[in-house]
C-alpha cells in the first residue's frame, strides 16, 4: 500500500469521534511506511473500523488454515 493511501486512511480515522480533539496525523511525518501502516492499523482497531480487505484476508487465512 502506498504512503498516500495510508495517509488518506489515517485522515479518515482522524475524523472519527474517537480521535476528535487528538492528533494522530503529525507523527506520520517521522514514521517509515511500515511503521505508518502499523500506526494506522492500531488506530483503526481502537476506533472500531474494519480495514478494507480485512474480510477477504480473513477468508483467505481461514482457507489456508483449513488445508493444514
Protein backbone atom coordinates (compact mmCIF):
# COMPACT_ATOMS: atom_id res chain seq x y z
CA UNK A 1 0.00 0.00 0.00
CA UNK A 2 1.38 3.41 -0.90
CA UNK A 3 2.14 6.07 1.66
CA UNK A 4 -0.51 8.31 0.10
CA UNK A 5 -3.21 5.66 0.64
CA UNK A 6 -2.06 5.13 4.23
CA UNK A 7 -2.22 8.86 4.92
CA UNK A 8 -5.67 9.16 3.34
CA UNK A 9 -7.00 6.33 5.50
CA UNK A 10 -5.40 7.84 8.60
CA UNK A 11 -7.05 11.16 7.78
CA UNK A 12 -10.43 9.39 7.63
CA UNK A 13 -9.82 7.78 11.02
CA UNK A 14 -8.77 11.17 12.45
CA UNK A 15 -12.30 12.46 11.71
CA UNK A 16 -13.99 9.74 13.78
CA UNK A 17 -15.41 10.59 17.22
CA UNK A 18 -12.74 8.51 18.97
CA UNK A 19 -9.97 10.81 17.72
CA UNK A 20 -11.67 14.21 17.64
CA UNK A 21 -9.54 16.55 19.67
CA UNK A 22 -6.49 14.28 19.31
CA UNK A 23 -3.78 14.48 16.71
CA UNK A 24 -2.89 11.12 15.18
CA UNK A 25 -1.54 12.61 11.93
CA UNK A 26 1.57 14.58 12.94
CA UNK A 27 3.56 11.51 13.96
CA UNK A 28 3.23 10.21 10.40
CA UNK A 29 5.91 12.69 9.29
CA UNK A 30 8.63 10.72 11.05
CA UNK A 31 7.32 7.17 10.58
CA UNK A 32 8.54 4.75 7.93
CA UNK A 33 5.88 3.28 5.65
CA UNK A 34 5.88 0.07 7.69
CA UNK A 35 5.51 1.95 10.97
CA UNK A 36 2.80 4.16 9.44
CA UNK A 37 0.87 1.07 8.36
CA UNK A 38 1.09 -0.31 11.91
CA UNK A 39 0.03 3.06 13.40
CA UNK A 40 -2.97 3.10 11.06
CA UNK A 41 -3.85 -0.47 11.99
CA UNK A 42 -3.77 0.30 15.72
CA UNK A 43 -5.83 3.48 15.27
CA UNK A 44 -8.40 1.68 13.12
CA UNK A 45 -8.75 -1.09 15.68
CA UNK A 46 -9.18 1.41 18.50
CA UNK A 47 -11.83 3.30 16.50
CA UNK A 48 -13.64 0.06 15.69
CA UNK A 49 -13.02 0.33 11.96
CA UNK A 50 -12.76 -2.78 9.82
CA UNK A 51 -9.88 -2.09 7.45
CA UNK A 52 -10.56 -2.54 3.72
CA UNK A 53 -9.94 -6.09 2.55
CA UNK A 54 -9.95 -7.41 6.13
CA UNK A 55 -12.88 -9.72 5.45
CA UNK A 56 -11.21 -11.03 2.31
CA UNK A 57 -7.91 -11.53 4.14
CA UNK A 58 -9.71 -13.35 6.94
CA UNK A 59 -11.36 -15.71 4.47
CA UNK A 60 -8.00 -16.43 2.82
CA UNK A 61 -6.42 -17.09 6.21
CA UNK A 62 -9.27 -19.41 7.22
CA UNK A 63 -8.95 -21.29 3.94
CA UNK A 64 -5.21 -21.70 4.44
CA UNK A 65 -5.71 -22.98 8.00
CA UNK A 66 -8.32 -25.44 6.77
CA UNK A 67 -5.80 -27.04 4.40
CA UNK A 68 -3.27 -27.77 7.12
